[in-house]
Amino acid sequence: MTNNYLIDTFGSIYSTLPEYARLSKRSEKIFYIKKARAKEWFDIHQGKKNAVRAHIIAKYIGLKKSSTSEELREVITHLICDDHYPIISTTKGFFKAETKEEINEYLDALNKRIMGIHRRISSLIAARNTQFLQTPIKYKGLSEWISNEGEYY
């Protein structure tokens, strides 16, 4: 299990997750209650055939209507990253993976999205270099994207 907490100079414990850095103790308890409700929901809704739309899940776990997608993504990210819950997102909704094949199918889809994002980034870098720099800089891979000044290359 990974350790996602920091202890400051006053002995207070904070999660390294961005959302928790802004939460009060009460808010963090409420978040964990919502997370527990989400776990209950996903334990019942397993497998692709049981995918459910985000707004239905958000209502069940008690999220505010105005921020359901952002809050729900935060809860789901926490479940996946910290609890290793295999939550899958499809065009039909979210579900807990029932088989290894469902996870592999989703990993393939995520990798295709990553490749598309990489392609767009490198194309935008090339466009920027062509249009705004006198001497274009070639894209050399992910490790070369950001310079010390924070400029993308």
N, C-alpha and C. Protein backbone atom coordinates (compact mmCIF):
# COMPACT_ATOMS: atom_id res chain seq x y z
N MET A 1 0.84 -1.17 0.00
CA MET A 1 0.00 0.00 0.00
C MET A 1 0.89 1.24 0.00
N THR A 2 0.55 2.20 -0.86
CA THR A 2 1.36 3.40 -0.95
C THR A 2 1.00 4.38 0.15
N ASN A 3 1.98 5.17 0.54
CA ASN A 3 1.77 6.18 1.57
C ASN A 3 1.50 7.51 0.88
N ASN A 4 0.28 8.00 0.97
CA ASN A 4 -0.10 9.24 0.30
C ASN A 4 -0.24 10.40 1.27
N TYR A 5 0.50 10.38 2.36
CA TYR A 5 0.34 11.42 3.36
C TYR A 5 1.66 12.09 3.69
N LEU A 6 1.58 13.36 4.02
CA LEU A 6 2.73 14.14 4.47
C LEU A 6 2.45 14.63 5.88
N ILE A 7 3.49 14.80 6.67
CA ILE A 7 3.34 15.38 8.00
C ILE A 7 4.07 16.71 7.99
N ASP A 8 3.36 17.81 8.30
CA ASP A 8 4.00 19.12 8.27
C ASP A 8 4.77 19.37 9.58
N THR A 9 5.38 20.54 9.68
CA THR A 9 6.22 20.85 10.84
C THR A 9 5.43 20.93 12.14
N PHE A 10 4.10 21.07 12.05
CA PHE A 10 3.26 21.12 13.23
C PHE A 10 2.70 19.74 13.59
N GLY A 11 3.07 18.72 12.83
CA GLY A 11 2.60 17.37 13.11
C GLY A 11 1.26 17.04 12.48
N SER A 12 0.71 17.95 11.68
CA SER A 12 -0.56 17.67 11.01
C SER A 12 -0.32 16.74 9.83
N ILE A 13 -1.27 15.86 9.59
CA ILE A 13 -1.16 14.91 8.49
C ILE A 13 -2.01 15.40 7.33
N TYR A 14 -1.41 15.44 6.14
CA TYR A 14 -2.10 15.83 4.91
C TYR A 14 -1.85 14.78 3.85
N SER A 15 -2.86 14.54 3.05
CA SER A 15 -2.68 13.65 1.91
C SER A 15 -1.92 14.40 0.83
N THR A 16 -1.13 13.67 0.04
CA THR A 16 -0.42 14.29 -1.07
C THR A 16 -1.35 14.47 -2.27
N LEU A 17 -2.55 13.92 -2.20
CA LEU A 17 -3.51 14.13 -3.28
C LEU A 17 -3.99 15.57 -3.22
N PRO A 18 -4.06 16.27 -4.35
CA PRO A 18 -4.39 17.68 -4.35
C PRO A 18 -5.70 18.01 -3.64
N GLU A 19 -6.73 17.21 -3.82
CA GLU A 19 -8.03 17.50 -3.20
C GLU A 19 -7.92 17.55 -1.69
N TYR A 20 -7.16 16.64 -1.11
CA TYR A 20 -7.09 16.57 0.34
C TYR A 20 -6.29 17.71 0.96
N ALA A 21 -5.42 18.31 0.19
CA ALA A 21 -4.65 19.43 0.71
C ALA A 21 -5.58 20.60 1.05
N ARG A 22 -6.76 20.61 0.46
CA ARG A 22 -7.71 21.70 0.67
C ARG A 22 -8.85 21.31 1.61
N LEU A 23 -8.90 20.09 2.08
CA LEU A 23 -10.04 19.63 2.87
C LEU A 23 -9.82 19.81 4.37
N SER A 24 -10.87 20.19 5.05
CA SER A 24 -10.84 20.21 6.50
C SER A 24 -11.04 18.79 7.00
N LYS A 25 -10.85 18.57 8.28
CA LYS A 25 -11.07 17.23 8.85
C LYS A 25 -12.50 16.76 8.57
N ARG A 26 -13.48 17.65 8.77
CA ARG A 26 -14.88 17.30 8.53
C ARG A 26 -15.10 16.95 7.06
N SER A 27 -14.55 17.76 6.16
CA SER A 27 -14.70 17.51 4.73
C SER A 27 -14.04 16.19 4.33
N GLU A 28 -12.90 15.90 4.94
CA GLU A 28 -12.22 14.64 4.63
C GLU A 28 -13.06 13.46 5.09
N LYS A 29 -13.69 13.56 6.26
CA LYS A 29 -14.59 12.49 6.73
C LYS A 29 -15.75 12.30 5.77
N ILE A 30 -16.33 13.41 5.33
CA ILE A 30 -17.43 13.34 4.39
C ILE A 30 -16.98 12.68 3.10
N PHE A 31 -15.78 13.03 2.62
CA PHE A 31 -15.25 12.42 1.40
C PHE A 31 -15.10 10.91 1.58
N TYR A 32 -14.60 10.47 2.73
CA TYR A 32 -14.43 9.04 2.96
C TYR A 32 -15.78 8.32 3.05
N ILE A 33 -16.79 8.99 3.56
CA ILE A 33 -18.13 8.40 3.58
C ILE A 33 -18.63 8.23 2.14
N LYS A 34 -18.42 9.24 1.31
CA LYS A 34 -18.81 9.15 -0.10
C LYS A 34 -18.04 8.05 -0.81
N LYS A 35 -16.77 7.94 -0.48
CA LYS A 35 -15.94 6.89 -1.08
C LYS A 35 -16.47 5.50 -0.68
N ALA A 36 -16.84 5.35 0.58
CA ALA A 36 -17.38 4.07 1.06
C ALA A 36 -18.69 3.75 0.34
N ARG A 37 -19.54 4.76 0.15
CA ARG A 37 -20.80 4.55 -0.58
C ARG A 37 -20.52 4.16 -2.03
N ALA A 38 -19.51 4.79 -2.62
CA ALA A 38 -19.15 4.45 -4.00
C ALA A 38 -18.67 3.00 -4.07
N LYS A 39 -17.88 2.57 -3.09
CA LYS A 39 -17.44 1.17 -3.05
C LYS A 39 -18.62 0.22 -3.00
N GLU A 40 -19.61 0.54 -2.13
CA GLU A 40 -20.82 -0.27 -2.06
C GLU A 40 -21.49 -0.36 -3.42
N TRP A 41 -21.61 0.79 -4.08
CA TRP A 41 -22.26 0.85 -5.38
C TRP A 41 -21.53 -0.03 -6.39
N PHE A 42 -20.20 0.13 -6.47
CA PHE A 42 -19.43 -0.62 -7.47
C PHE A 42 -19.35 -2.10 -7.14
N ASP A 43 -19.46 -2.48 -5.87
CA ASP A 43 -19.48 -3.90 -5.53
C ASP A 43 -20.76 -4.56 -6.05
N ILE A 44 -21.83 -3.79 -6.15
CA ILE A 44 -23.09 -4.31 -6.69
C ILE A 44 -23.08 -4.27 -8.22
N HIS A 45 -22.51 -3.22 -8.80
CA HIS A 45 -22.53 -3.01 -10.25
C HIS A 45 -21.20 -3.43 -10.86
N GLN A 46 -21.05 -4.74 -10.97
CA GLN A 46 -19.82 -5.29 -11.54
C GLN A 46 -20.08 -5.79 -12.95
N GLY A 47 -19.09 -5.66 -13.79
CA GLY A 47 -19.18 -6.14 -15.16
C GLY A 47 -19.77 -5.10 -16.10
N LYS A 48 -19.32 -5.18 -17.35
CA LYS A 48 -19.71 -4.21 -18.37
C LYS A 48 -21.23 -4.12 -18.54
N LYS A 49 -21.90 -5.23 -18.39
CA LYS A 49 -23.36 -5.25 -18.57
C LYS A 49 -24.09 -4.43 -17.50
N ASN A 50 -23.41 -4.12 -16.40
CA ASN A 50 -24.01 -3.35 -15.30
C ASN A 50 -23.49 -1.92 -15.20
N ALA A 51 -22.96 -1.38 -16.30
CA ALA A 51 -22.45 0.00 -16.30
C ALA A 51 -23.59 0.96 -16.01
N VAL A 52 -23.29 2.00 -15.21
CA VAL A 52 -24.29 2.98 -14.79
C VAL A 52 -23.76 4.38 -15.04
N ARG A 53 -24.62 5.27 -15.51
CA ARG A 53 -24.27 6.66 -15.79
C ARG A 53 -23.80 7.39 -14.52
N ALA A 54 -22.91 8.35 -14.73
CA ALA A 54 -22.29 9.09 -13.64
C ALA A 54 -23.31 9.79 -12.75
N HIS A 55 -24.32 10.42 -13.32
CA HIS A 55 -25.26 11.19 -12.50
C HIS A 55 -26.05 10.29 -11.55
N ILE A 56 -26.27 9.04 -11.92
CA ILE A 56 -26.99 8.11 -11.04
C ILE A 56 -26.10 7.70 -9.87
N ILE A 57 -24.83 7.42 -10.16
CA ILE A 57 -23.88 7.07 -9.11
C ILE A 57 -23.70 8.26 -8.16
N ALA A 58 -23.55 9.43 -8.75
CA ALA A 58 -23.34 10.65 -7.94
C ALA A 58 -24.50 10.87 -6.99
N LYS A 59 -25.71 10.67 -7.46
CA LYS A 59 -26.90 10.84 -6.61
C LYS A 59 -26.88 9.83 -5.47
N TYR A 60 -26.53 8.59 -5.78
CA TYR A 60 -26.50 7.53 -4.76
C TYR A 60 -25.50 7.84 -3.65
N ILE A 61 -24.31 8.34 -4.03
CA ILE A 61 -23.28 8.55 -3.01
C ILE A 61 -23.37 9.92 -2.36
N GLY A 62 -24.33 10.75 -2.82
CA GLY A 62 -24.59 12.02 -2.15
C GLY A 62 -23.76 13.19 -2.62
N LEU A 63 -23.42 13.21 -3.89
CA LEU A 63 -22.66 14.34 -4.42
C LEU A 63 -23.60 15.47 -4.82
N LYS A 64 -23.09 16.69 -4.74
CA LYS A 64 -23.87 17.85 -5.15
C LYS A 64 -24.12 17.78 -6.65
N LYS A 65 -25.31 18.15 -7.06
CA LYS A 65 -25.68 18.05 -8.46
C LYS A 65 -24.80 18.92 -9.36
N SER A 66 -24.43 20.10 -8.90
CA SER A 66 -23.67 21.03 -9.73
C SER A 66 -22.24 20.57 -10.02
N SER A 67 -21.68 19.74 -9.17
CA SER A 67 -20.29 19.34 -9.36
C SER A 67 -20.13 17.83 -9.43
N THR A 68 -21.15 17.13 -9.86
CA THR A 68 -21.11 15.66 -9.82
C THR A 68 -19.95 15.07 -10.59
N SER A 69 -19.69 15.55 -11.80
CA SER A 69 -18.65 14.89 -12.58
C SER A 69 -17.26 15.10 -11.97
N GLU A 70 -16.98 16.31 -11.50
CA GLU A 70 -15.66 16.57 -10.91
C GLU A 70 -15.49 15.80 -9.60
N GLU A 71 -16.48 15.86 -8.73
CA GLU A 71 -16.40 15.15 -7.45
C GLU A 71 -16.37 13.64 -7.67
N LEU A 72 -17.19 13.15 -8.59
CA LEU A 72 -17.23 11.72 -8.86
C LEU A 72 -15.89 11.25 -9.41
N ARG A 73 -15.30 12.02 -10.33
CA ARG A 73 -13.97 11.66 -10.86
C ARG A 73 -12.95 11.59 -9.74
N GLU A 74 -13.03 12.52 -8.78
CA GLU A 74 -12.11 12.52 -7.64
C GLU A 74 -12.28 11.25 -6.81
N VAL A 75 -13.52 10.88 -6.52
CA VAL A 75 -13.80 9.67 -5.74
C VAL A 75 -13.30 8.44 -6.50
N ILE A 76 -13.61 8.36 -7.79
CA ILE A 76 -13.20 7.20 -8.59
C ILE A 76 -11.68 7.12 -8.70
N THR A 77 -11.03 8.26 -8.91
CA THR A 77 -9.56 8.27 -8.98
C THR A 77 -8.97 7.76 -7.67
N HIS A 78 -9.54 8.18 -6.56
CA HIS A 78 -9.06 7.72 -5.25
C HIS A 78 -9.26 6.20 -5.11
N LEU A 79 -10.41 5.71 -5.53
CA LEU A 79 -10.67 4.26 -5.46
C LEU A 79 -9.67 3.48 -6.32
N ILE A 80 -9.40 3.98 -7.52
CA ILE A 80 -8.49 3.27 -8.43
C ILE A 80 -7.05 3.36 -7.92
N CYS A 81 -6.59 4.56 -7.61
CA CYS A 81 -5.17 4.77 -7.30
C CYS A 81 -4.78 4.29 -5.91
N ASP A 82 -5.62 4.51 -4.92
CA ASP A 82 -5.26 4.15 -3.55
C ASP A 82 -5.77 2.78 -3.13
N ASP A 83 -6.97 2.43 -3.56
CA ASP A 83 -7.57 1.17 -3.13
C ASP A 83 -7.46 0.07 -4.18
N HIS A 84 -6.91 0.40 -5.35
CA HIS A 84 -6.74 -0.54 -6.46
C HIS A 84 -8.07 -1.18 -6.87
N TYR A 85 -9.12 -0.39 -6.82
CA TYR A 85 -10.44 -0.82 -7.28
C TYR A 85 -10.48 -0.68 -8.80
N PRO A 86 -10.78 -1.74 -9.53
CA PRO A 86 -10.75 -1.67 -10.99
C PRO A 86 -12.03 -1.05 -11.57
N ILE A 87 -12.15 0.27 -11.47
CA ILE A 87 -13.32 0.98 -11.98
C ILE A 87 -13.06 1.32 -13.45
N ILE A 88 -14.02 0.98 -14.27
CA ILE A 88 -13.91 1.18 -15.72
C ILE A 88 -14.95 2.20 -16.16
N SER A 89 -14.56 3.04 -17.11
CA SER A 89 -15.46 4.03 -17.68
C SER A 89 -15.70 3.68 -19.15
N THR A 90 -16.97 3.68 -19.55
CA THR A 90 -17.32 3.44 -20.95
C THR A 90 -18.35 4.49 -21.37
N THR A 91 -18.76 4.43 -22.61
CA THR A 91 -19.79 5.35 -23.08
C THR A 91 -21.13 5.07 -22.41
N LYS A 92 -21.30 3.89 -21.84
CA LYS A 92 -22.55 3.54 -21.15
C LYS A 92 -22.51 3.85 -19.66
N GLY A 93 -21.34 4.20 -19.13
CA GLY A 93 -21.22 4.53 -17.72
C GLY A 93 -20.02 3.88 -17.07
N PHE A 94 -20.08 3.80 -15.75
CA PHE A 94 -19.00 3.24 -14.94
C PHE A 94 -19.42 1.87 -14.39
N PHE A 95 -18.41 1.01 -14.18
CA PHE A 95 -18.65 -0.27 -13.53
C PHE A 95 -17.34 -0.79 -12.94
N LYS A 96 -17.46 -1.72 -12.01
CA LYS A 96 -16.28 -2.39 -11.47
C LYS A 96 -16.00 -3.60 -12.36
N ALA A 97 -14.74 -3.71 -12.80
CA ALA A 97 -14.38 -4.81 -13.69
C ALA A 97 -14.64 -6.15 -13.00
N GLU A 98 -15.19 -7.04 -13.78
CA GLU A 98 -15.50 -8.38 -13.28
C GLU A 98 -14.45 -9.39 -13.73
N THR A 99 -13.78 -9.08 -14.85
CA THR A 99 -12.79 -10.00 -15.41
C THR A 99 -11.51 -9.26 -15.78
N LYS A 100 -10.45 -10.02 -15.94
CA LYS A 100 -9.17 -9.48 -16.38
C LYS A 100 -9.30 -8.92 -17.80
N GLU A 101 -10.12 -9.54 -18.61
CA GLU A 101 -10.32 -9.10 -19.98
C GLU A 101 -10.94 -7.70 -20.03
N GLU A 102 -11.88 -7.41 -19.12
CA GLU A 102 -12.47 -6.07 -19.08
C GLU A 102 -11.42 -5.02 -18.76
N ILE A 103 -10.53 -5.35 -17.84
CA ILE A 103 -9.45 -4.42 -17.48
C ILE A 103 -8.51 -4.24 -18.67
N ASN A 104 -8.12 -5.34 -19.31
CA ASN A 104 -7.20 -5.25 -20.45
C ASN A 104 -7.80 -4.44 -21.59
N GLU A 105 -9.08 -4.62 -21.84
CA GLU A 105 -9.77 -3.86 -22.89
C GLU A 105 -9.74 -2.36 -22.56
N TYR A 106 -9.96 -2.03 -21.31
CA TYR A 106 -9.94 -0.63 -20.89
C TYR A 106 -8.53 -0.06 -20.95
N LEU A 107 -7.53 -0.85 -20.55
CA LEU A 107 -6.14 -0.40 -20.64
C LEU A 107 -5.76 -0.12 -22.09
N ASP A 108 -6.22 -0.95 -23.02
CA ASP A 108 -5.96 -0.70 -24.44
C ASP A 108 -6.59 0.63 -24.87
N ALA A 109 -7.82 0.89 -24.45
CA ALA A 109 -8.49 2.14 -24.79
C ALA A 109 -7.75 3.33 -24.20
N LEU A 110 -7.30 3.21 -22.94
CA LEU A 110 -6.55 4.30 -22.32
C LEU A 110 -5.24 4.56 -23.05
N ASN A 111 -4.55 3.49 -23.44
CA ASN A 111 -3.29 3.65 -24.18
C ASN A 111 -3.50 4.33 -25.52
N LYS A 112 -4.61 4.02 -26.20
CA LYS A 112 -4.92 4.68 -27.47
C LYS A 112 -5.16 6.17 -27.24
N ARG A 113 -5.84 6.52 -26.15
CA ARG A 113 -6.06 7.93 -25.82
C ARG A 113 -4.74 8.63 -25.54
N ILE A 114 -3.86 7.95 -24.80
CA ILE A 114 -2.53 8.52 -24.50
C ILE A 114 -1.77 8.78 -25.79
N MET A 115 -1.78 7.82 -26.71
CA MET A 115 -1.06 7.99 -27.97
C MET A 115 -1.64 9.16 -28.76
N GLY A 116 -2.96 9.31 -28.75
CA GLY A 116 -3.59 10.44 -29.43
C GLY A 116 -3.18 11.76 -28.82
N ILE A 117 -3.11 11.81 -27.50
CA ILE A 117 -2.68 13.03 -26.81
C ILE A 117 -1.22 13.33 -27.15
N HIS A 118 -0.36 12.32 -27.15
CA HIS A 118 1.04 12.52 -27.51
C HIS A 118 1.16 13.06 -28.93
N ARG A 119 0.37 12.51 -29.84
CA ARG A 119 0.40 12.95 -31.24
C ARG A 119 -0.02 14.42 -31.35
N ARG A 120 -1.08 14.80 -30.63
CA ARG A 120 -1.55 16.19 -30.66
C ARG A 120 -0.51 17.14 -30.06
N ILE A 121 0.10 16.71 -28.95
CA ILE A 121 1.13 17.56 -28.31
C ILE A 121 2.30 17.78 -29.27
N SER A 122 2.81 16.70 -29.86
CA SER A 122 3.96 16.87 -30.76
C SER A 122 3.59 17.68 -31.99
N SER A 123 2.35 17.55 -32.49
CA SER A 123 1.91 18.35 -33.64
C SER A 123 1.78 19.82 -33.26
N LEU A 124 1.26 20.10 -32.08
CA LEU A 124 1.15 21.50 -31.63
C LEU A 124 2.53 22.11 -31.39
N ILE A 125 3.45 21.32 -30.86
CA ILE A 125 4.82 21.81 -30.67
C ILE A 125 5.43 22.14 -32.02
N ALA A 126 5.23 21.26 -32.99
CA ALA A 126 5.77 21.51 -34.34
C ALA A 126 5.13 22.75 -34.96
N ALA A 127 3.83 22.90 -34.78
CA ALA A 127 3.13 24.08 -35.32
C ALA A 127 3.65 25.35 -34.67
N ARG A 128 3.81 25.32 -33.36
CA ARG A 128 4.34 26.48 -32.64
C ARG A 128 5.75 26.81 -33.11
N ASN A 129 6.57 25.77 -33.24
CA ASN A 129 7.96 25.98 -33.66
C ASN A 129 8.03 26.54 -35.07
N THR A 130 7.17 26.05 -35.94
CA THR A 130 7.15 26.50 -37.32
C THR A 130 6.65 27.93 -37.43
N GLN A 131 5.63 28.27 -36.67
CA GLN A 131 5.00 29.58 -36.81
C GLN A 131 5.62 30.68 -35.95
N PHE A 132 6.19 30.31 -34.81
CA PHE A 132 6.62 31.36 -33.87
C PHE A 132 8.11 31.38 -33.55
N LEU A 133 8.84 30.38 -33.94
CA LEU A 133 10.28 30.37 -33.66
C LEU A 133 11.06 30.49 -34.95
N GLN A 134 12.17 31.21 -34.91
CA GLN A 134 13.00 31.36 -36.11
C GLN A 134 13.71 30.04 -36.42
N THR A 135 14.17 29.33 -35.38
CA THR A 135 14.84 28.06 -35.57
C THR A 135 14.01 26.96 -34.92
N PRO A 136 13.26 26.21 -35.71
CA PRO A 136 12.41 25.17 -35.12
C PRO A 136 13.22 24.14 -34.34
N ILE A 137 12.67 23.69 -33.24
CA ILE A 137 13.29 22.67 -32.40
C ILE A 137 12.54 21.36 -32.65
N LYS A 138 13.27 20.31 -32.95
CA LYS A 138 12.62 19.03 -33.23
C LYS A 138 12.15 18.37 -31.94
N TYR A 139 11.04 17.68 -32.06
CA TYR A 139 10.50 16.89 -30.94
C TYR A 139 11.39 15.67 -30.76
N LYS A 140 11.91 15.47 -29.53
CA LYS A 140 12.84 14.38 -29.28
C LYS A 140 12.28 13.34 -28.32
N GLY A 141 11.02 13.46 -27.95
CA GLY A 141 10.42 12.49 -27.03
C GLY A 141 9.94 13.14 -25.76
N LEU A 142 9.25 12.37 -24.97
CA LEU A 142 8.59 12.87 -23.77
C LEU A 142 9.55 13.59 -22.83
N SER A 143 10.77 13.07 -22.66
CA SER A 143 11.71 13.67 -21.71
C SER A 143 12.20 15.04 -22.18
N GLU A 144 12.03 15.36 -23.45
CA GLU A 144 12.51 16.62 -24.00
C GLU A 144 11.41 17.68 -24.10
N TRP A 145 10.19 17.38 -23.65
CA TRP A 145 9.06 18.29 -23.85
C TRP A 145 9.14 19.57 -23.05
N ILE A 146 9.71 19.53 -21.86
CA ILE A 146 9.68 20.70 -21.00
C ILE A 146 11.11 21.12 -20.67
N SER A 147 11.40 22.39 -20.89
CA SER A 147 12.73 22.91 -20.57
C SER A 147 12.74 23.39 -19.13
N ASN A 148 13.88 23.91 -18.69
CA ASN A 148 13.99 24.46 -17.34
C ASN A 148 13.07 25.65 -17.14
N GLU A 149 12.77 26.39 -18.19
CA GLU A 149 11.91 27.56 -18.09
C GLU A 149 10.44 27.16 -18.13
N GLY A 150 10.11 25.90 -18.28
CA GLY A 150 8.73 25.48 -18.36
C GLY A 150 8.17 25.57 -19.77
N GLU A 151 9.02 25.92 -20.73
CA GLU A 151 8.58 26.04 -22.12
C GLU A 151 8.59 24.63 -22.74
N TYR A 152 7.56 24.34 -23.51
CA TYR A 152 7.48 23.04 -24.18
C TYR A 152 8.34 23.05 -25.43
N TYR A 153 9.13 21.98 -25.62
CA TYR A 153 9.94 21.85 -26.81
C TYR A 153 9.60 20.59 -27.55
